[in-house]
């Protein structure tokens, strides 16, 4: 691969896909949509069928579902099926039928007259919050604040994941300009959160909402040094209010359970490959 420092890249007049993109996810990156193979999705016995992986976006939804169950909503029982994105499961025909964007997570609600498909993690959180009447304020100004922070996360996370995370942790060549550019933006975002949380227990005052659930797997994990092994690089210890908030959520049993679901790496005790019943958390092995 060309060394960007010694031979600056000049974009061609027309871009063509004529070589692998390189890096950890090269085998699944492509400039076209649609299925690559026929594969039906499994279906369990619960109303909600989740197809996911315990990346930050996937964790949002499992934390939400576990929180709903903890609040007594039996209709939030779910089957969580593992989607191995590095093996291309998200390009199977069944998955694409639920999420044409071929990204996890994807949710199928079979409790409706016709099954309802929901994709994009933020949309899933809003759908579940409205379905069960939880974790989304109804008072107009507080609802607006919650939705604002939710959309802030959805628009900011690509800088952290596809931007900083990719170039810092996964790119086959370390490009100083790219890492500097995205590190700067990620630190600005952490500062945005830190200043807000200096005066608020949660993202919406003293109320735990889907805004917290959306932000925690990304910036909470980053502030605690659990994402991209980048805690020292980004000096996350300086964001004391974010770390206080992140540690507080990490103590919630629903957050602890949700973080385990569809997880296939790390400490075996932190993994639960698939979840089909609450008793699955009691298993001695993932």
Protein backbone atom coordinates (compact mmCIF):
# COMPACT_ATOMS: atom_id res chain seq x y z
CA UNK A 1 0.00 0.00 0.00
CA UNK A 2 1.19 3.49 -0.79
CA UNK A 3 2.85 5.35 2.06
CA UNK A 4 0.82 8.60 2.26
CA UNK A 5 3.81 10.45 3.67
CA UNK A 6 6.11 9.65 0.73
CA UNK A 7 3.62 9.60 -2.17
CA UNK A 8 0.57 11.83 -1.69
CA UNK A 9 -2.61 10.36 -3.10
CA UNK A 10 -4.31 12.12 -6.00
CA UNK A 11 -7.96 11.03 -6.46
CA UNK A 12 -8.80 9.79 -9.96
CA UNK A 13 -11.43 11.59 -11.99
CA UNK A 14 -13.81 8.64 -11.48
CA UNK A 15 -13.53 6.35 -8.45
CA UNK A 16 -13.75 2.61 -9.14
CA UNK A 17 -13.80 -0.38 -6.80
CA UNK A 18 -10.78 -2.24 -8.16
CA UNK A 19 -8.94 -3.38 -5.02
CA UNK A 20 -9.68 -4.49 -1.46
CA UNK A 21 -10.00 -1.65 1.02
CA UNK A 22 -7.57 -3.29 3.42
CA UNK A 23 -7.85 -3.53 7.16
CA UNK A 24 -9.80 -5.80 9.47
CA UNK A 25 -13.12 -5.40 7.67
CA UNK A 26 -11.88 -5.51 4.08
CA UNK A 27 -13.68 -8.75 3.27
CA UNK A 28 -17.12 -7.28 4.01
CA UNK A 29 -16.73 -3.76 2.65
CA UNK A 30 -18.28 -3.12 -0.76
CA UNK A 31 -19.90 -0.17 -2.55
CA UNK A 32 -23.18 -1.93 -3.33
CA UNK A 33 -26.20 -3.03 -1.29
CA UNK A 34 -28.43 -6.09 -1.32
CA UNK A 35 -27.95 -9.73 -0.31
CA UNK A 36 -24.95 -11.81 -1.32
CA UNK A 37 -26.50 -15.16 -0.47
CA UNK A 38 -29.78 -16.81 0.49
CA UNK A 39 -30.15 -17.38 4.22
CA UNK A 40 -33.32 -17.22 6.24
CA UNK A 41 -33.20 -15.78 9.72
CA UNK A 42 -34.00 -18.00 12.71
CA UNK A 43 -37.13 -17.19 14.69
CA UNK A 44 -37.63 -17.92 18.38
CA UNK A 45 -40.70 -18.04 20.58
CA UNK A 46 -40.80 -14.47 21.87
CA UNK A 47 -42.61 -11.47 20.33
CA UNK A 48 -39.36 -9.58 19.72
CA UNK A 49 -36.65 -11.06 17.53
CA UNK A 50 -33.31 -9.26 17.63
CA UNK A 51 -30.50 -9.92 15.16
CA UNK A 52 -27.33 -8.33 16.43
CA UNK A 53 -23.80 -8.35 17.76
CA UNK A 54 -22.45 -6.74 20.95
CA UNK A 55 -20.84 -3.77 19.26
CA UNK A 56 -21.85 -0.43 20.82
CA UNK A 57 -24.86 -0.12 18.52
CA UNK A 58 -26.00 -3.62 19.37
CA UNK A 59 -25.51 -3.06 23.11
CA UNK A 60 -27.89 -0.11 23.01
CA UNK A 61 -30.82 -2.37 22.14
CA UNK A 62 -30.05 -5.24 24.52
CA UNK A 63 -29.61 -2.79 27.40
CA UNK A 64 -32.96 -1.24 26.48
CA UNK A 65 -34.71 -4.61 26.37
CA UNK A 66 -33.21 -5.73 29.66
CA UNK A 67 -34.25 -2.44 31.26
CA UNK A 68 -37.82 -2.90 30.03
CA UNK A 69 -37.92 -6.42 31.42
CA UNK A 70 -36.54 -5.19 34.74
CA UNK A 71 -39.47 -2.75 34.86
CA UNK A 72 -41.96 -5.58 34.51
CA UNK A 73 -42.79 -5.43 30.80
CA UNK A 74 -43.18 -9.12 29.96
CA UNK A 75 -43.96 -8.18 26.36
CA UNK A 76 -40.33 -7.12 26.00
CA UNK A 77 -39.14 -10.74 26.16
CA UNK A 78 -36.87 -11.35 23.22
CA UNK A 79 -34.66 -13.74 21.33
CA UNK A 80 -31.25 -12.32 20.50
CA UNK A 81 -29.67 -14.08 17.54
CA UNK A 82 -25.98 -13.64 16.79
CA UNK A 83 -25.04 -11.94 13.52
CA UNK A 84 -21.36 -12.47 12.76
CA UNK A 85 -20.57 -9.39 10.70
CA UNK A 86 -17.03 -10.48 9.84
CA UNK A 87 -18.50 -13.59 8.26
CA UNK A 88 -21.02 -11.58 6.24
CA UNK A 89 -24.20 -12.74 8.03
CA UNK A 90 -25.65 -9.24 7.54
CA UNK A 91 -25.71 -9.81 3.78
CA UNK A 92 -27.96 -12.88 3.99
CA UNK A 93 -31.33 -12.49 2.26
CA UNK A 94 -33.28 -12.82 5.51
CA UNK A 95 -31.30 -10.12 7.27
CA UNK A 96 -31.48 -7.74 4.31
CA UNK A 97 -35.27 -8.20 4.29
CA UNK A 98 -35.34 -6.79 7.84
CA UNK A 99 -32.61 -4.20 7.34
CA UNK A 100 -31.85 -3.22 3.73
CA UNK A 101 -28.83 -1.29 5.03
CA UNK A 102 -27.16 -4.56 6.17
CA UNK A 103 -26.06 -3.21 9.55
CA UNK A 104 -26.72 -4.54 13.03
CA UNK A 105 -28.93 -4.33 14.99
CA UNK A 106 -32.21 -5.26 13.34
CA UNK A 107 -35.47 -5.93 15.17
CA UNK A 108 -38.56 -7.85 14.10
CA UNK A 109 -41.66 -7.30 16.25
CA UNK A 110 -44.08 -10.19 15.73
CA UNK A 111 -46.64 -8.90 18.25
CA UNK A 112 -48.16 -6.58 15.62
CA UNK A 113 -50.83 -7.75 13.14
CA UNK A 114 -48.14 -7.92 10.48
CA UNK A 115 -44.53 -8.25 11.70
CA UNK A 116 -42.90 -4.85 12.10
CA UNK A 117 -39.29 -4.45 11.04
CA UNK A 118 -37.19 -1.75 12.69
CA UNK A 119 -33.60 -0.92 11.84
CA UNK A 120 -31.09 1.71 12.99
CA UNK A 121 -30.35 1.53 16.70
CA UNK A 122 -31.81 4.96 17.48
CA UNK A 123 -35.06 4.11 15.70
CA UNK A 124 -35.26 0.83 17.64
CA UNK A 125 -34.85 2.67 20.95
CA UNK A 126 -37.62 5.14 20.09
CA UNK A 127 -39.88 2.33 18.85
CA UNK A 128 -39.46 0.33 22.05
CA UNK A 129 -39.80 3.40 24.28
CA UNK A 130 -43.09 4.36 22.63
CA UNK A 131 -44.36 0.77 22.52
CA UNK A 132 -43.89 0.28 26.27
CA UNK A 133 -44.25 3.86 27.47
CA UNK A 134 -40.86 3.92 29.17
CA UNK A 135 -37.57 5.82 29.11
CA UNK A 136 -38.81 8.61 26.83
CA UNK A 137 -40.25 11.65 28.63
CA UNK A 138 -43.68 12.81 27.57
CA UNK A 139 -43.42 16.40 28.82
CA UNK A 140 -42.56 18.40 25.67
CA UNK A 141 -39.35 20.12 26.77
CA UNK A 142 -37.88 17.01 28.37
CA UNK A 143 -38.87 14.87 25.40
CA UNK A 144 -37.18 17.40 23.12
CA UNK A 145 -34.02 17.26 25.24
CA UNK A 146 -34.04 13.47 25.14
CA UNK A 147 -34.52 13.35 21.39
CA UNK A 148 -31.85 16.01 20.87
CA UNK A 149 -29.25 13.99 22.77
CA UNK A 150 -30.33 10.79 21.03
CA UNK A 151 -29.85 12.40 17.61
CA UNK A 152 -26.59 13.93 18.82
CA UNK A 153 -25.31 10.45 19.52
CA UNK A 154 -26.50 9.06 16.21
CA UNK A 155 -24.77 11.87 14.30
CA UNK A 156 -21.62 11.91 16.45
CA UNK A 157 -20.86 8.19 16.70
CA UNK A 158 -19.60 7.86 13.10
CA UNK A 159 -16.75 10.19 14.03
CA UNK A 160 -15.91 7.88 16.91
CA UNK A 161 -16.51 4.53 15.21
CA UNK A 162 -15.93 4.80 11.48
CA UNK A 163 -13.59 7.75 11.94
CA UNK A 164 -11.35 7.57 14.98
CA UNK A 165 -11.88 3.87 15.71
CA UNK A 166 -11.17 2.83 12.15
CA UNK A 167 -8.03 4.85 11.61
CA UNK A 168 -6.64 4.38 15.12
CA UNK A 169 -7.41 0.69 15.64
CA UNK A 170 -8.18 -1.03 12.33
CA UNK A 171 -6.67 0.75 9.31
CA UNK A 172 -3.76 -1.16 7.74
CA UNK A 173 -1.77 2.09 7.57
CA UNK A 174 -1.61 4.64 10.39
CA UNK A 175 -2.31 8.02 8.81
CA UNK A 176 -1.37 10.90 11.09
CA UNK A 177 -3.73 13.39 9.50
CA UNK A 178 -6.75 11.07 9.78
CA UNK A 179 -6.03 10.09 13.39
CA UNK A 180 -5.40 13.69 14.42
CA UNK A 181 -8.58 14.88 12.69
CA UNK A 182 -10.85 12.34 14.32
CA UNK A 183 -9.12 12.35 17.72
CA UNK A 184 -9.71 16.10 17.86
CA UNK A 185 -13.41 15.67 17.13
CA UNK A 186 -13.85 12.79 19.59
CA UNK A 187 -12.25 14.84 22.35
CA UNK A 188 -14.52 17.76 21.49
CA UNK A 189 -17.52 15.46 21.80
CA UNK A 190 -16.29 14.16 25.16
CA UNK A 191 -15.98 17.76 26.29
CA UNK A 192 -19.54 18.46 25.15
CA UNK A 193 -20.73 15.58 27.32
CA UNK A 194 -18.51 16.47 30.26
CA UNK A 195 -19.76 20.03 30.41
CA UNK A 196 -23.39 18.88 30.22
CA UNK A 197 -22.98 16.16 32.83
CA UNK A 198 -21.30 18.57 35.23
CA UNK A 199 -24.79 19.96 35.86
CA UNK A 200 -26.92 16.88 35.19
CA UNK A 201 -27.06 13.43 36.75
CA UNK A 202 -28.20 11.93 33.46
CA UNK A 203 -28.52 13.27 29.94
CA UNK A 204 -32.01 14.60 30.73
CA UNK A 205 -31.62 15.99 34.22
CA UNK A 206 -32.17 13.35 36.88
CA UNK A 207 -34.10 10.98 34.58
CA UNK A 208 -32.58 7.87 32.97
CA UNK A 209 -33.72 7.76 29.34
CA UNK A 210 -32.98 6.29 25.94
CA UNK A 211 -30.48 9.13 25.48
CA UNK A 212 -28.32 7.60 28.23
CA UNK A 213 -28.80 4.12 26.79
CA UNK A 214 -27.70 5.31 23.34
CA UNK A 215 -24.64 7.25 24.47
CA UNK A 216 -23.30 4.90 27.14
CA UNK A 217 -22.03 2.01 24.94
CA UNK A 218 -20.02 4.50 22.88
CA UNK A 219 -18.79 7.40 24.99
CA UNK A 220 -19.30 5.71 28.33
CA UNK A 221 -17.13 2.79 27.27
CA UNK A 222 -14.58 5.16 25.75
CA UNK A 223 -14.37 7.24 28.94
CA UNK A 224 -13.74 4.11 30.99
CA UNK A 225 -10.97 2.95 28.66
CA UNK A 226 -12.98 0.04 27.23
CA UNK A 227 -13.14 1.06 23.57
CA UNK A 228 -10.35 0.78 20.98
CA UNK A 229 -7.77 0.56 23.80
CA UNK A 230 -7.59 4.33 23.39
CA UNK A 231 -8.08 5.59 26.94
CA UNK A 232 -4.50 6.71 27.46
CA UNK A 233 -4.19 8.13 23.95
CA UNK A 234 -7.27 10.32 24.44
CA UNK A 235 -6.54 11.12 28.11
CA UNK A 236 -10.06 10.08 29.08
CA UNK A 237 -9.34 10.48 32.80
CA UNK A 238 -9.81 14.24 32.42
CA UNK A 239 -13.51 13.82 31.62
CA UNK A 240 -14.50 13.25 35.22
CA UNK A 241 -18.22 13.94 34.83
CA UNK A 242 -18.54 11.54 31.88
CA UNK A 243 -16.68 8.88 33.84
CA UNK A 244 -18.95 9.39 36.87
CA UNK A 245 -22.02 9.00 34.68
CA UNK A 246 -20.60 6.01 32.81
CA UNK A 247 -19.64 4.22 36.02
CA UNK A 248 -23.10 4.83 37.47
CA UNK A 249 -24.82 3.24 34.46
CA UNK A 250 -22.34 0.36 34.50
CA UNK A 251 -23.71 -0.56 37.93
CA UNK A 252 -27.24 -1.04 36.61
CA UNK A 253 -28.06 -4.78 36.41
CA UNK A 254 -29.87 -4.28 33.08
CA UNK A 255 -26.79 -2.60 31.60
CA UNK A 256 -24.58 -5.41 32.84
CA UNK A 257 -26.86 -8.03 31.31
CA UNK A 258 -27.36 -6.13 28.07
CA UNK A 259 -23.61 -5.73 27.55
CA UNK A 260 -23.19 -9.52 27.64
CA UNK A 261 -25.78 -10.40 24.99
CA UNK A 262 -24.36 -11.41 21.58
CA UNK A 263 -20.84 -10.88 22.91
CA UNK A 264 -18.26 -13.38 21.62
CA UNK A 265 -14.96 -11.87 22.78
CA UNK A 266 -13.20 -10.89 25.97
CA UNK A 267 -13.62 -12.54 29.35
CA UNK A 268 -15.79 -15.67 28.90
CA UNK A 269 -17.81 -14.56 31.94
CA UNK A 270 -18.79 -11.42 30.02
CA UNK A 271 -20.13 -13.33 27.02
CA UNK A 272 -23.59 -14.59 26.14
CA UNK A 273 -23.54 -15.70 22.53
CA UNK A 274 -27.33 -15.76 22.19
CA UNK A 275 -30.14 -14.94 24.57
CA UNK A 276 -33.48 -16.75 24.43
CA UNK A 277 -34.53 -16.70 28.08
CA UNK A 278 -33.62 -14.79 31.23
CA UNK A 279 -32.17 -18.00 32.64
CA UNK A 280 -29.48 -17.90 29.95
CA UNK A 281 -27.60 -15.36 32.08
CA UNK A 282 -27.20 -17.98 34.79
CA UNK A 283 -25.30 -20.37 32.51
CA UNK A 284 -21.72 -20.98 33.60
CA UNK A 285 -20.38 -20.68 30.05
CA UNK A 286 -21.20 -18.28 27.20
